[in-house]
Amino acid sequence: MFIAREKDLESLQMCYDSSSCFGMAIIYGRRRVGKTRLIEEFVKDKKNLFFSAVKTSNQDENLLGLSKVISGRDDDDFPVYSSFSAAFNQIAKMAENERLVFVIDEFPYLENDDGWFSSLLQNTIDREFRKTKLFLIICGSSVSFMEEKVLGSKNPLYGRTGMIMKLLPFDYYDTARWFPSYSSRDKAIMYGVTGGIPYYLEQFSPDKSVKENLLSGFFNRNSVLFNENEFLLKEEVREPSIYNAVITAIANGKTKFSEIADSASVSSGALTSYLKTLKNLGIVSKVFPVGRQEEKNSFYVIDDLFFRFWHFFVPRNYSSIISGRIRTSYEIAVERLMNDYMGKVFERICTEYLEFRAENLPFPPSAVGTWWGGNPKTKKSAEIDIVVTSAIDDDVIIGSCKFTNLRMGIDELRRIEEYADAMGTRGRRHYYFFSAAGFDESFKEQRNEYIHLVGIDELFL
């Protein structure tokens, strides 16, 4: 099923239609995010050559694969080109008089340290492809490679593309489209499990309950997702055990740089490199309170929701999963802890709602994030789930999010007002309260132009 990439398809089509001569698009993003599926949908009604490179030490294998794609044959009786240059020249001939889409998928597998393939392709573009009606799509899953080696200013291909698309996971709303009959609460949970990665969504059936999906597709020692954490790290990094130790440290509450280094037994110099790689992969992010970018205020979080879910539930249930006994303990070991896990996920959902889905916000947003600090009145720490600053004045949105089974009461308003005082604001405050279980009647009576109550169902309208 193909869902939720309408705007991406539209952008590709606009680039394709912008000229009847040579055109080029670069598409990249983390593994499993749906790049190949998007391109397949784009080219399904167009004449195309779709070449997927393979990881190999012998590029003759990839030349053989490209030769077969050019031939259009399903059997093994096809001409093999003597070089990539010869193959590219044939593609140029095929696109001399008619529009042709040429896709190079997993581009990083073709390159080596000296950049020979990029140089060859650049030379072919300038000498041959620009004379044709070819539309070239270069696609890659290694985010750091694509950004540094392909899009970097020193790369031979720099400046030759008409479009650069970094494909992102679905947001909470588009993720929910995979489960149209689910309750809003269950839609939110499945976003917390998959992080909006299309490949992960495909492992679950919209006709099964959350429980049955998780038991068969996640808490199952033979399932793809149970083993995905290890597989993805092995695919992306050279020292997966060390990277896993870093992720585990953060998952266990070691969020400061020094804490992570001590817990993972990694030197400070090496940890800087590991964290940079994990940030490039979208697994980890560094967080600052809104308006306070000092290093001493920062900490690290697991940004990838799939990794966060895996590290929250799998280690504590590992023996039950391996032995197949997780079904008998699911209610205690998973269901009872779901609200605890979903707290931060719900904050992200509500943040995405304010950034991209909410209508009639009081002002155009500028910075969006969270805030924490000391409360000078109570001498205790204070934390605000969502803070949105205005792009035009000093007004601010203050957001509070609760994923519990209890209705939110008016005491939450008083608490957040106190925290906002601790934060300190100059303009008007617009309070947004988000609750998975709804609101007390007394709280509903407080609604006005500055106090907004948003139930979970409203997020999915």
Protein backbone atom coordinates (compact mmCIF):
# COMPACT_ATOMS: atom_id res chain seq x y z
CA MET A 1 0.00 0.00 0.00
CA PHE A 2 1.34 3.42 -0.98
CA ILE A 3 0.29 6.23 1.35
CA ALA A 4 1.18 9.73 2.47
CA ARG A 5 3.86 10.75 -0.03
CA GLU A 6 1.63 12.99 -2.13
CA LYS A 7 3.71 16.14 -1.63
CA ASP A 8 6.96 14.29 -2.34
CA LEU A 9 5.51 12.86 -5.54
CA GLU A 10 4.31 16.31 -6.53
CA SER A 11 7.78 17.77 -5.97
CA LEU A 12 9.36 15.05 -8.11
CA GLN A 13 6.82 15.58 -10.85
CA MET A 14 7.40 19.35 -10.84
CA CYS A 15 11.15 18.79 -11.23
CA TYR A 16 10.47 16.30 -14.03
CA ASP A 17 8.12 18.71 -15.81
CA SER A 18 10.30 21.79 -15.38
CA SER A 19 12.22 20.98 -18.55
CA SER A 20 11.98 18.54 -21.42
CA CYS A 21 15.78 18.42 -21.54
CA PHE A 22 18.19 16.86 -19.06
CA GLY A 23 17.15 16.98 -15.42
CA MET A 24 18.48 15.52 -12.20
CA ALA A 25 17.16 14.84 -8.70
CA ILE A 26 18.97 13.56 -5.62
CA ILE A 27 16.91 11.64 -3.05
CA TYR A 28 18.32 10.36 0.21
CA GLY A 29 17.26 9.37 3.70
CA ARG A 30 17.77 6.70 6.33
CA ARG A 31 17.21 3.05 5.52
CA ARG A 32 13.61 1.79 5.49
CA VAL A 33 12.17 5.28 5.02
CA GLY A 34 10.59 4.45 1.64
CA LYS A 35 12.89 6.04 -0.95
CA THR A 36 12.76 3.16 -3.41
CA ARG A 37 8.99 2.80 -3.03
CA LEU A 38 8.52 6.52 -3.71
CA ILE A 39 10.62 6.33 -6.86
CA GLU A 40 8.80 3.20 -8.04
CA GLU A 41 5.51 5.05 -7.68
CA PHE A 42 6.92 8.03 -9.58
CA VAL A 43 8.22 6.03 -12.56
CA LYS A 44 5.35 3.55 -12.88
CA ASP A 45 3.78 5.49 -15.78
CA LYS A 46 7.09 6.62 -17.34
CA LYS A 47 9.69 4.94 -19.49
CA ASN A 48 12.52 4.15 -17.09
CA LEU A 49 15.69 2.26 -16.29
CA PHE A 50 15.76 1.36 -12.60
CA PHE A 51 19.20 0.23 -11.48
CA SER A 52 19.85 -0.79 -7.86
CA ALA A 53 23.53 -1.10 -6.99
CA VAL A 54 24.72 -3.84 -4.65
CA LYS A 55 27.40 -3.72 -1.99
CA THR A 56 30.43 -5.46 -3.48
CA SER A 57 34.19 -5.26 -3.70
CA ASN A 58 34.01 -6.05 -7.41
CA GLN A 59 32.23 -3.37 -9.43
CA ASP A 60 32.02 -5.73 -12.39
CA GLU A 61 28.97 -7.16 -10.58
CA ASN A 62 27.27 -3.77 -10.69
CA LEU A 63 28.27 -3.25 -14.32
CA LEU A 64 26.67 -6.61 -15.09
CA GLY A 65 23.51 -5.53 -13.25
CA LEU A 66 23.34 -2.22 -15.11
CA SER A 67 23.86 -4.00 -18.43
CA LYS A 68 20.90 -6.25 -17.70
CA VAL A 69 18.71 -3.28 -16.79
CA ILE A 70 19.60 -1.53 -20.05
CA SER A 71 18.83 -4.66 -22.06
CA GLY A 72 15.37 -4.97 -20.53
CA ARG A 73 15.67 -8.76 -20.55
CA ASP A 74 14.65 -11.12 -17.76
CA ASP A 75 16.92 -13.95 -18.84
CA ASP A 76 20.71 -14.12 -18.87
CA ASP A 77 21.09 -13.62 -22.61
CA PHE A 78 21.98 -9.91 -22.78
CA PRO A 79 24.98 -7.84 -23.90
CA VAL A 80 27.41 -6.83 -21.16
CA TYR A 81 29.04 -3.43 -21.58
CA SER A 82 32.79 -3.16 -21.33
CA SER A 83 32.66 -0.24 -18.91
CA PHE A 84 30.29 2.10 -17.10
CA SER A 85 31.20 4.75 -19.67
CA ALA A 86 29.97 2.49 -22.45
CA ALA A 87 26.78 1.75 -20.54
CA PHE A 88 26.15 5.46 -19.93
CA ASN A 89 26.71 6.23 -23.61
CA GLN A 90 24.02 3.70 -24.49
CA ILE A 91 21.62 5.32 -22.01
CA ALA A 92 22.36 8.70 -23.61
CA LYS A 93 21.43 7.28 -27.03
CA MET A 94 18.17 5.89 -25.61
CA ALA A 95 17.24 9.35 -24.30
CA GLU A 96 18.22 11.36 -27.39
CA ASN A 97 14.68 11.81 -28.67
CA GLU A 98 12.37 10.72 -25.86
CA ARG A 99 12.02 11.31 -22.13
CA LEU A 100 13.68 8.55 -20.09
CA VAL A 101 14.06 8.26 -16.32
CA PHE A 102 17.34 6.67 -15.20
CA VAL A 103 17.42 5.71 -11.52
CA ILE A 104 20.64 4.86 -9.69
CA ASP A 105 19.53 3.42 -6.35
CA GLU A 106 22.01 2.85 -3.49
CA PHE A 107 24.52 5.16 -5.14
CA PRO A 108 27.07 4.91 -2.26
CA TYR A 109 27.71 1.26 -3.18
CA LEU A 110 29.23 2.42 -6.48
CA GLU A 111 31.68 4.91 -5.03
CA ASN A 112 35.14 4.41 -3.58
CA ASP A 113 37.44 6.64 -1.56
CA ASP A 114 38.81 8.60 -4.51
CA GLY A 115 35.34 9.45 -5.88
CA TRP A 116 35.93 7.84 -9.28
CA PHE A 117 32.27 7.06 -9.96
CA SER A 118 31.06 10.59 -9.17
CA SER A 119 33.78 11.96 -11.46
CA LEU A 120 32.77 9.57 -14.23
CA LEU A 121 29.11 10.47 -13.85
CA GLN A 122 29.87 14.21 -13.77
CA ASN A 123 31.89 13.90 -16.96
CA THR A 124 29.09 11.95 -18.64
CA ILE A 125 26.49 14.50 -17.55
CA ASP A 126 28.49 17.40 -18.97
CA ARG A 127 29.49 15.68 -22.21
CA GLU A 128 26.56 13.38 -23.01
CA PHE A 129 23.49 13.53 -20.78
CA ARG A 130 22.97 17.30 -21.13
CA LYS A 131 22.31 16.78 -24.84
CA THR A 132 19.45 14.36 -24.09
CA LYS A 133 15.97 14.23 -22.56
CA LEU A 134 17.21 12.09 -19.66
CA PHE A 135 15.87 12.57 -16.12
CA LEU A 136 18.46 11.19 -13.71
CA ILE A 137 17.60 10.21 -10.13
CA ILE A 138 20.41 9.45 -7.69
CA CYS A 139 19.30 7.76 -4.49
CA GLY A 140 21.17 6.70 -1.35
CA SER A 141 20.55 5.45 2.18
CA SER A 142 23.80 6.53 3.84
CA VAL A 143 22.83 10.00 5.02
CA SER A 144 26.35 11.07 5.98
CA PHE A 145 27.76 9.83 2.66
CA MET A 146 25.10 11.57 0.59
CA GLU A 147 25.48 14.86 2.45
CA GLU A 148 29.28 14.87 2.53
CA LYS A 149 30.32 12.94 -0.59
CA VAL A 150 27.51 13.73 -3.02
CA LEU A 151 26.04 17.06 -1.93
CA GLY A 152 29.28 18.52 -0.57
CA SER A 153 30.79 21.47 -2.45
CA LYS A 154 33.96 19.50 -3.28
CA ASN A 155 32.06 16.66 -4.95
CA PRO A 156 32.08 16.53 -8.79
CA LEU A 157 28.26 16.40 -8.86
CA TYR A 158 27.88 19.58 -6.81
CA GLY A 159 25.54 22.11 -8.40
CA ARG A 160 24.25 19.83 -11.13
CA THR A 161 20.97 18.74 -9.59
CA GLY A 162 17.61 20.42 -9.98
CA MET A 163 16.20 19.00 -6.73
CA ILE A 164 17.50 17.67 -3.42
CA MET A 165 15.01 15.66 -1.36
CA LYS A 166 15.82 14.30 2.08
CA LEU A 167 13.00 11.85 2.64
CA LEU A 168 11.77 11.85 6.22
CA PRO A 169 9.65 9.35 8.17
CA PHE A 170 5.91 9.90 8.26
CA ASP A 171 4.63 12.20 10.96
CA TYR A 172 2.09 10.90 13.48
CA TYR A 173 -0.86 11.85 11.27
CA ASP A 174 0.32 10.06 8.14
CA THR A 175 1.41 7.05 10.20
CA ALA A 176 -2.17 6.76 11.43
CA ARG A 177 -3.39 6.35 7.85
CA TRP A 178 -1.95 2.82 7.94
CA PHE A 179 -4.41 1.94 10.70
CA PRO A 180 -7.69 3.61 9.64
CA SER A 181 -9.92 1.62 12.02
CA TYR A 182 -7.76 2.08 15.11
CA SER A 183 -8.75 4.35 17.98
CA SER A 184 -6.80 7.59 18.28
CA ARG A 185 -4.96 6.17 21.28
CA ASP A 186 -3.90 3.06 19.36
CA LYS A 187 -2.84 5.16 16.37
CA ALA A 188 -0.60 7.15 18.67
CA ILE A 189 0.90 3.97 20.11
CA MET A 190 1.76 2.59 16.67
CA TYR A 191 3.51 5.84 15.86
CA GLY A 192 5.47 5.36 19.08
CA VAL A 193 6.43 1.86 17.94
CA THR A 194 7.39 2.56 14.32
CA GLY A 195 8.45 6.20 14.35
CA GLY A 196 6.68 6.60 11.01
CA ILE A 197 9.11 4.35 9.09
CA PRO A 198 7.13 2.80 6.20
CA TYR A 199 9.03 -0.49 6.25
CA TYR A 200 8.21 -0.96 9.92
CA LEU A 201 4.56 -0.16 9.30
CA GLU A 202 4.48 -2.89 6.67
CA GLN A 203 5.30 -5.46 9.36
CA PHE A 204 1.93 -4.81 11.01
CA SER A 205 -1.61 -5.53 9.85
CA PRO A 206 -4.28 -2.84 10.20
CA ASP A 207 -6.76 -5.68 10.76
CA LYS A 208 -5.03 -6.90 13.94
CA SER A 209 -5.14 -5.30 17.38
CA VAL A 210 -2.13 -3.47 18.79
CA LYS A 211 -1.49 -6.42 21.11
CA GLU A 212 -1.58 -9.03 18.36
CA ASN A 213 0.57 -6.87 16.07
CA LEU A 214 3.21 -6.38 18.73
CA LEU A 215 3.24 -10.03 19.77
CA SER A 216 3.66 -11.30 16.21
CA GLY A 217 5.59 -8.47 14.59
CA PHE A 218 7.81 -7.19 17.38
CA PHE A 219 7.95 -9.33 20.54
CA ASN A 220 8.84 -12.38 18.49
CA ARG A 221 12.44 -13.57 18.34
CA ASN A 222 12.03 -14.46 14.65
CA SER A 223 10.43 -11.18 13.58
CA VAL A 224 12.23 -8.62 11.44
CA LEU A 225 11.66 -5.83 13.94
CA PHE A 226 12.96 -7.72 16.96
CA ASN A 227 16.29 -8.09 15.16
CA GLU A 228 16.24 -4.73 13.37
CA ASN A 229 18.11 -2.84 16.08
CA GLU A 230 21.20 -5.01 15.64
CA PHE A 231 20.86 -5.35 11.88
CA LEU A 232 20.61 -1.62 11.21
CA LEU A 233 23.70 -0.81 13.27
CA LYS A 234 25.70 -3.54 11.51
CA GLU A 235 24.68 -2.09 8.16
CA GLU A 236 25.55 1.49 9.05
CA VAL A 237 28.60 1.45 11.34
CA ARG A 238 31.86 -0.44 11.73
CA GLU A 239 31.69 -0.89 15.51
CA PRO A 240 28.04 -1.75 16.21
CA SER A 241 28.71 -3.01 19.74
CA ILE A 242 30.14 0.35 20.83
CA TYR A 243 27.35 2.29 19.18
CA ASN A 244 24.84 0.03 20.90
CA ALA A 245 26.54 0.71 24.23
CA VAL A 246 26.16 4.46 23.64
CA ILE A 247 22.47 4.09 22.74
CA THR A 248 21.88 1.84 25.75
CA ALA A 249 23.51 4.37 28.06
CA ILE A 250 21.17 7.12 26.83
CA ALA A 251 18.16 4.79 27.06
CA ASN A 252 19.09 4.10 30.68
CA GLY A 253 19.02 7.78 31.59
CA LYS A 254 22.67 8.70 31.03
CA THR A 255 21.92 11.80 28.98
CA LYS A 256 24.89 14.07 29.72
CA PHE A 257 28.04 13.72 27.62
CA SER A 258 30.24 12.69 30.56
CA GLU A 259 27.62 10.23 31.83
CA ILE A 260 27.39 8.55 28.43
CA ALA A 261 31.19 8.30 28.17
CA ASP A 262 31.46 6.66 31.60
CA SER A 263 28.53 4.28 31.10
CA ALA A 264 29.63 3.16 27.62
CA SER A 265 33.33 3.08 28.57
CA VAL A 266 34.23 5.36 25.67
CA SER A 267 36.79 8.17 25.68
CA SER A 268 35.51 11.71 25.24
CA GLY A 269 37.24 12.12 21.89
CA ALA A 270 35.79 8.91 20.48
CA LEU A 271 32.33 9.63 21.89
CA THR A 272 32.13 12.89 19.96
CA SER A 273 32.55 10.94 16.73
CA TYR A 274 30.08 8.21 17.74
CA LEU A 275 27.42 10.74 18.70
CA LYS A 276 27.92 12.64 15.43
CA THR A 277 27.32 9.44 13.47
CA LEU A 278 24.24 8.56 15.53
CA LYS A 279 22.87 12.07 14.96
CA ASN A 280 23.46 11.74 11.20
CA LEU A 281 21.56 8.45 11.28
CA GLY A 282 18.68 10.15 13.10
CA ILE A 283 18.97 7.80 16.07
CA VAL A 284 20.16 10.33 18.64
CA SER A 285 19.69 14.08 18.97
CA LYS A 286 21.08 16.79 21.21
CA VAL A 287 18.48 18.87 22.99
CA PHE A 288 18.61 22.41 24.41
CA PRO A 289 15.91 24.30 26.28
CA VAL A 290 14.25 26.95 24.08
CA GLY A 291 16.19 30.19 24.32
CA ARG A 292 19.16 28.68 26.15
CA GLN A 293 21.70 27.14 23.79
CA GLU A 294 24.52 26.86 26.34
CA GLU A 295 26.37 23.54 26.26
CA LYS A 296 25.88 23.05 30.00
CA ASN A 297 22.10 22.95 29.47
CA SER A 298 22.17 20.29 26.74
CA PHE A 299 21.50 16.58 26.95
CA TYR A 300 21.11 13.67 24.53
CA VAL A 301 17.97 11.70 23.75
CA ILE A 302 17.09 8.74 21.54
CA ASP A 303 15.31 10.54 18.73
CA ASP A 304 14.39 7.49 16.66
CA LEU A 305 11.13 6.20 18.14
CA PHE A 306 11.71 2.65 16.97
CA PHE A 307 15.05 2.51 18.78
CA ARG A 308 13.43 4.16 21.81
CA PHE A 309 10.62 1.58 21.89
CA TRP A 310 13.07 -1.31 21.42
CA HIS A 311 15.32 -0.18 24.26
CA PHE A 312 12.39 0.55 26.56
CA PHE A 313 10.70 -2.85 26.25
CA VAL A 314 13.11 -5.47 24.89
CA PRO A 315 15.91 -5.56 27.50
CA ARG A 316 13.48 -5.98 30.40
CA ASN A 317 11.53 -8.68 28.54
CA TYR A 318 14.35 -10.33 26.63
CA SER A 319 14.11 -13.74 28.32
CA SER A 320 10.33 -13.86 27.90
CA ILE A 321 10.61 -12.97 24.21
CA ILE A 322 13.32 -15.53 23.48
CA SER A 323 11.43 -18.29 25.34
CA GLY A 324 8.11 -17.36 23.72
CA ARG A 325 6.43 -16.60 27.08
CA ILE A 326 5.84 -12.91 26.41
CA ARG A 327 2.18 -13.54 25.53
CA THR A 328 1.38 -14.65 29.07
CA SER A 329 3.07 -11.60 30.63
CA TYR A 330 2.07 -9.01 28.01
CA GLU A 331 -0.49 -7.19 30.18
CA ILE A 332 1.99 -6.71 33.03
CA ALA A 333 5.24 -6.37 31.09
CA VAL A 334 4.01 -4.23 28.18
CA GLU A 335 0.48 -2.91 28.51
CA ARG A 336 0.87 -1.52 32.04
CA LEU A 337 4.03 0.32 31.03
CA MET A 338 2.69 1.74 27.79
CA ASN A 339 1.57 5.05 29.30
CA ASP A 340 5.04 5.54 30.78
CA TYR A 341 6.64 4.94 27.42
CA MET A 342 4.14 7.05 25.51
CA GLY A 343 4.62 10.19 27.62
CA LYS A 344 7.48 11.58 25.52
CA VAL A 345 6.01 10.19 22.31
CA PHE A 346 2.79 12.08 22.97
CA GLU A 347 4.81 15.25 23.49
CA ARG A 348 6.28 14.76 20.02
CA ILE A 349 2.85 14.12 18.52
CA CYS A 350 1.48 17.31 20.09
CA THR A 351 4.52 19.26 18.92
CA GLU A 352 4.02 18.00 15.37
CA TYR A 353 0.38 18.99 15.61
CA LEU A 354 1.24 22.57 16.57
CA GLU A 355 4.00 22.82 13.95
CA PHE A 356 2.25 21.27 10.96
CA ARG A 357 -1.41 20.45 11.58
CA ALA A 358 -3.05 22.99 13.87
CA GLU A 359 -5.12 25.71 12.29
CA ASN A 360 -5.59 29.25 13.56
CA LEU A 361 -2.51 29.42 15.75
CA PRO A 362 -2.21 32.81 17.45
CA PHE A 363 1.01 33.62 15.58
CA PRO A 364 3.45 32.18 13.02
CA PRO A 365 5.88 29.91 14.93
CA SER A 366 9.58 30.60 15.21
CA ALA A 367 11.42 28.30 17.65
CA VAL A 368 9.70 25.09 18.75
CA GLY A 369 10.97 22.91 21.56
CA THR A 370 10.84 22.32 25.29
CA TRP A 371 12.12 24.15 28.35
CA TRP A 372 13.49 23.17 31.73
CA GLY A 373 15.15 25.02 34.53
CA GLY A 374 14.91 26.02 38.17
CA ASN A 375 11.84 27.59 39.77
CA PRO A 376 13.09 30.48 41.96
CA LYS A 377 9.89 30.48 44.02
CA THR A 378 9.76 26.79 44.95
CA LYS A 379 13.49 26.10 44.56
CA LYS A 380 12.50 23.02 42.55
CA SER A 381 13.08 22.09 38.95
CA ALA A 382 10.43 22.94 36.36
CA GLU A 383 9.82 21.48 32.92
CA ILE A 384 7.46 22.62 30.16
CA ASP A 385 6.61 20.01 27.54
CA ILE A 386 6.20 22.36 24.58
CA VAL A 387 7.30 25.94 24.02
CA VAL A 388 6.61 27.75 20.75
CA THR A 389 7.93 31.27 20.28
CA SER A 390 6.46 33.80 17.89
CA ALA A 391 8.13 34.97 14.70
CA ILE A 392 6.57 38.45 14.97
CA ASP A 393 6.39 39.42 18.65
CA ASP A 394 7.09 38.23 22.21
CA ASP A 395 4.03 36.01 22.53
CA VAL A 396 4.55 32.35 23.35
CA ILE A 397 2.66 29.05 23.31
CA ILE A 398 3.01 26.97 26.46
CA GLY A 399 2.00 23.32 26.02
CA SER A 400 1.32 20.51 28.46
CA CYS A 401 0.81 16.89 27.33
CA LYS A 402 -0.54 13.94 29.32
CA PHE A 403 -0.86 10.38 28.03
CA THR A 404 -2.63 8.78 30.98
CA ASN A 405 -5.95 7.12 31.78
CA LEU A 406 -7.01 10.06 33.96
CA ARG A 407 -8.74 13.19 32.80
CA MET A 408 -6.70 16.34 33.06
CA GLY A 409 -7.87 18.66 35.85
CA ILE A 410 -7.64 22.36 36.47
CA ASP A 411 -4.64 21.85 38.75
CA GLU A 412 -2.58 21.31 35.58
CA LEU A 413 -3.36 24.88 34.54
CA ARG A 414 -2.07 26.21 37.85
CA ARG A 415 1.07 24.09 37.61
CA ILE A 416 1.91 25.20 34.08
CA GLU A 417 1.23 28.85 34.91
CA GLU A 418 3.78 28.52 37.71
CA TYR A 419 6.31 26.91 35.37
CA ALA A 420 5.75 29.65 32.79
CA ASP A 421 6.50 32.21 35.50
CA ALA A 422 9.75 30.37 36.19
CA MET A 423 10.63 30.41 32.50
CA GLY A 424 9.88 34.10 32.21
CA THR A 425 7.96 35.52 29.25
CA ARG A 426 7.47 39.09 28.04
CA GLY A 427 4.45 38.71 25.77
CA ARG A 428 1.08 37.04 26.07
CA ARG A 429 0.90 33.38 26.93
CA HIS A 430 -1.27 31.02 24.92
CA TYR A 431 -1.78 27.77 26.82
CA TYR A 432 -2.42 24.50 24.96
CA PHE A 433 -3.32 21.41 26.99
CA PHE A 434 -3.30 17.98 25.36
CA SER A 435 -4.85 14.96 27.08
CA ALA A 436 -5.29 11.38 25.90
CA ALA A 437 -8.12 10.84 28.42
CA GLY A 438 -9.95 14.16 28.11
CA PHE A 439 -10.60 16.92 30.65
CA ASP A 440 -12.57 17.51 33.83
CA GLU A 441 -15.72 19.58 33.41
CA SER A 442 -14.30 22.31 35.65
CA PHE A 443 -11.28 22.56 33.39
CA LYS A 444 -13.43 22.78 30.26
CA GLU A 445 -15.09 25.87 31.75
CA GLN A 446 -11.72 27.66 31.70
CA ARG A 447 -11.54 27.65 27.91
CA ASN A 448 -11.01 31.07 26.33
CA GLU A 449 -8.91 32.67 23.61
CA TYR A 450 -5.74 31.98 25.62
CA ILE A 451 -6.53 28.52 27.04
CA HIS A 452 -7.00 25.70 24.54
CA LEU A 453 -7.93 22.12 25.44
CA VAL A 454 -7.13 19.51 22.79
CA GLY A 455 -8.32 15.92 23.14
CA ILE A 456 -6.49 13.10 21.41
CA ASP A 457 -9.25 12.59 18.83
CA GLU A 458 -8.82 16.18 17.65
CA LEU A 459 -5.20 15.44 16.74
CA PHE A 460 -6.32 12.90 14.12
CA LEU A 461 -9.17 14.80 12.48
